[in-house]
Amino acid sequence: MSVFIDENLEQDDAGLVSCRHCSARVGVAADPLRDARVRESAPRTAGPSVRAEASNFTDREVVFRQAFCPECLTLLQAEIVPADEPSFRIRSLKLVGA
């Protein structure tokens, strides 16, 4: 039995997290996006609504970070975050049946 996480991810009985589109393993319950491919680029690449320079608000470098399925490249997560910090959108799932 698998558990629906969101439109793109599901978790199996063993706690493995997979892409719902191609079934590629993306991570585990404790780190659902562990095996995702990550791309970092300038915040402006997020779209036309991101116009302000990050330097107006912070003295740290800011990046647009995207996580993709390692097989089919479905976008799993996108965020604008300080470059020197890990993702702010941490997901931690309970093991099914635990």
C-alpha atoms as a PDB file:
ATOM      1  CA  MET A   1       0.000   0.000   0.000  1.00  0.00           C
ATOM      2  CA  SER A   2       1.299   3.473  -0.788  1.00  0.00           C
ATOM      3  CA  VAL A   3       0.499   6.740   0.955  1.00  0.00           C
ATOM      4  CA  PHE A   4      -0.261   9.881  -1.043  1.00  0.00           C
ATOM      5  CA  ILE A   5       2.089  12.714  -0.020  1.00  0.00           C
ATOM      6  CA  ASP A   6       1.209  15.212  -2.725  1.00  0.00           C
ATOM      7  CA  GLU A   7       0.493  15.281  -6.463  1.00  0.00           C
ATOM      8  CA  ASN A   8       4.057  14.191  -7.205  1.00  0.00           C
ATOM      9  CA  LEU A   9       5.185  11.977  -4.326  1.00  0.00           C
ATOM     10  CA  GLU A  10       4.074   8.819  -2.537  1.00  0.00           C
ATOM     11  CA  GLN A  11       5.517   6.691   0.251  1.00  0.00           C
ATOM     12  CA  ASP A  12       5.488   2.879   0.337  1.00  0.00           C
ATOM     13  CA  ASP A  13       5.225   0.549   3.353  1.00  0.00           C
ATOM     14  CA  ALA A  14       9.016   0.490   3.764  1.00  0.00           C
ATOM     15  CA  GLY A  15       9.161   4.299   4.013  1.00  0.00           C
ATOM     16  CA  LEU A  16      10.640   4.834   0.540  1.00  0.00           C
ATOM     17  CA  VAL A  17       9.410   7.968  -1.236  1.00  0.00           C
ATOM     18  CA  SER A  18       8.853   7.742  -4.991  1.00  0.00           C
ATOM     19  CA  CYS A  19       7.766   9.941  -7.862  1.00  0.00           C
ATOM     20  CA  ARG A  20       4.087   9.316  -8.671  1.00  0.00           C
ATOM     21  CA  HIS A  21       4.776   9.909 -12.383  1.00  0.00           C
ATOM     22  CA  CYS A  22       7.645   7.497 -13.085  1.00  0.00           C
ATOM     23  CA  SER A  23       8.081   5.524  -9.821  1.00  0.00           C
ATOM     24  CA  ALA A  24      11.711   6.623  -9.383  1.00  0.00           C
ATOM     25  CA  ARG A  25      12.897   6.624  -5.773  1.00  0.00           C
ATOM     26  CA  VAL A  26      13.320  10.186  -4.558  1.00  0.00           C
ATOM     27  CA  GLY A  27      14.072   9.664  -0.867  1.00  0.00           C
ATOM     28  CA  VAL A  28      13.016   8.115   2.419  1.00  0.00           C
ATOM     29  CA  ALA A  29      10.546   9.125   5.125  1.00  0.00           C
ATOM     30  CA  ALA A  30      13.162  11.059   7.131  1.00  0.00           C
ATOM     31  CA  ASP A  31      14.415  12.895   4.012  1.00  0.00           C
ATOM     32  CA  PRO A  32      11.793  12.688   1.223  1.00  0.00           C
ATOM     33  CA  LEU A  33      13.811  14.670  -1.353  1.00  0.00           C
ATOM     34  CA  ARG A  34      17.222  13.145  -0.550  1.00  0.00           C
ATOM     35  CA  ASP A  35      17.845  11.783  -4.068  1.00  0.00           C
ATOM     36  CA  ALA A  36      16.222  14.632  -5.999  1.00  0.00           C
ATOM     37  CA  ARG A  37      18.235  16.623  -8.506  1.00  0.00           C
ATOM     38  CA  VAL A  38      18.700  20.186  -7.290  1.00  0.00           C
ATOM     39  CA  ARG A  39      19.250  23.262  -9.417  1.00  0.00           C
ATOM     40  CA  GLU A  40      20.125  26.678  -8.016  1.00  0.00           C
ATOM     41  CA  SER A  41      19.837  29.849 -10.058  1.00  0.00           C
ATOM     42  CA  ALA A  42      19.240  33.569  -9.673  1.00  0.00           C
ATOM     43  CA  PRO A  43      15.921  34.431  -7.989  1.00  0.00           C
ATOM     44  CA  ARG A  44      14.790  36.297 -11.114  1.00  0.00           C
ATOM     45  CA  THR A  45      14.581  32.985 -12.981  1.00  0.00           C
ATOM     46  CA  ALA A  46      11.554  32.157 -10.794  1.00  0.00           C
ATOM     47  CA  GLY A  47       9.406  34.357 -13.015  1.00  0.00           C
ATOM     48  CA  PRO A  48       8.393  37.908 -13.825  1.00  0.00           C
ATOM     49  CA  SER A  49       6.929  38.592 -10.381  1.00  0.00           C
ATOM     50  CA  VAL A  50      10.395  38.340  -8.772  1.00  0.00           C
ATOM     51  CA  ARG A  51      11.889  41.728  -9.595  1.00  0.00           C
ATOM     52  CA  ALA A  52      13.467  43.152  -6.456  1.00  0.00           C
ATOM     53  CA  GLU A  53      17.135  42.561  -5.796  1.00  0.00           C
ATOM     54  CA  ALA A  54      17.750  40.422  -2.701  1.00  0.00           C
ATOM     55  CA  SER A  55      20.399  42.923  -1.626  1.00  0.00           C
ATOM     56  CA  ASN A  56      17.555  45.367  -0.850  1.00  0.00           C
ATOM     57  CA  PHE A  57      16.488  43.063   1.986  1.00  0.00           C
ATOM     58  CA  THR A  58      19.503  41.046   3.092  1.00  0.00           C
ATOM     59  CA  ASP A  59      23.282  41.045   2.935  1.00  0.00           C
ATOM     60  CA  ARG A  60      23.339  37.318   2.162  1.00  0.00           C
ATOM     61  CA  GLU A  61      23.318  35.700  -1.268  1.00  0.00           C
ATOM     62  CA  VAL A  62      19.854  34.375  -2.171  1.00  0.00           C
ATOM     63  CA  VAL A  63      19.092  31.643  -4.731  1.00  0.00           C
ATOM     64  CA  PHE A  64      16.105  30.102  -6.468  1.00  0.00           C
ATOM     65  CA  ARG A  65      16.380  26.409  -5.524  1.00  0.00           C
ATOM     66  CA  GLN A  66      14.417  23.743  -7.395  1.00  0.00           C
ATOM     67  CA  ALA A  67      14.235  19.993  -6.656  1.00  0.00           C
ATOM     68  CA  PHE A  68      13.377  17.609  -9.505  1.00  0.00           C
ATOM     69  CA  CYS A  69      12.651  13.896  -9.840  1.00  0.00           C
ATOM     70  CA  PRO A  70      15.978  12.256 -10.817  1.00  0.00           C
ATOM     71  CA  GLU A  71      14.313  10.299 -13.647  1.00  0.00           C
ATOM     72  CA  CYS A  72      11.445  12.256 -15.252  1.00  0.00           C
ATOM     73  CA  LEU A  73      12.508  15.710 -13.987  1.00  0.00           C
ATOM     74  CA  THR A  74       9.096  16.598 -12.560  1.00  0.00           C
ATOM     75  CA  LEU A  75       9.444  19.701 -10.388  1.00  0.00           C
ATOM     76  CA  LEU A  76       8.943  18.579  -6.766  1.00  0.00           C
ATOM     77  CA  GLN A  77       9.765  21.751  -4.827  1.00  0.00           C
ATOM     78  CA  ALA A  78      10.781  25.342  -5.529  1.00  0.00           C
ATOM     79  CA  GLU A  79      11.871  28.027  -3.079  1.00  0.00           C
ATOM     80  CA  ILE A  80      13.845  31.237  -2.829  1.00  0.00           C
ATOM     81  CA  VAL A  81      16.276  30.860   0.073  1.00  0.00           C
ATOM     82  CA  PRO A  82      19.657  32.014   1.407  1.00  0.00           C
ATOM     83  CA  ALA A  83      22.332  30.165  -0.579  1.00  0.00           C
ATOM     84  CA  ASP A  84      24.270  29.097   2.498  1.00  0.00           C
ATOM     85  CA  GLU A  85      21.347  27.360   4.207  1.00  0.00           C
ATOM     86  CA  PRO A  86      19.537  24.097   3.528  1.00  0.00           C
ATOM     87  CA  SER A  87      15.935  24.069   2.429  1.00  0.00           C
ATOM     88  CA  PHE A  88      13.490  25.886   4.695  1.00  0.00           C
ATOM     89  CA  ARG A  89      10.696  23.596   3.515  1.00  0.00           C
ATOM     90  CA  ILE A  90      11.670  20.508   5.476  1.00  0.00           C
ATOM     91  CA  ARG A  91       9.441  17.483   5.146  1.00  0.00           C
ATOM     92  CA  SER A  92       9.653  14.591   7.541  1.00  0.00           C
ATOM     93  CA  LEU A  93       7.191  11.761   7.170  1.00  0.00           C
ATOM     94  CA  LYS A  94       6.083   9.128   9.611  1.00  0.00           C
ATOM     95  CA  LEU A  95       6.713   5.562   8.492  1.00  0.00           C
ATOM     96  CA  VAL A  96       3.507   3.892   7.403  1.00  0.00           C
ATOM     97  CA  GLY A  97       2.243   1.639  10.214  1.00  0.00           C
ATOM     98  CA  ALA A  98       4.685   3.125  12.739  1.00  0.00           C
END
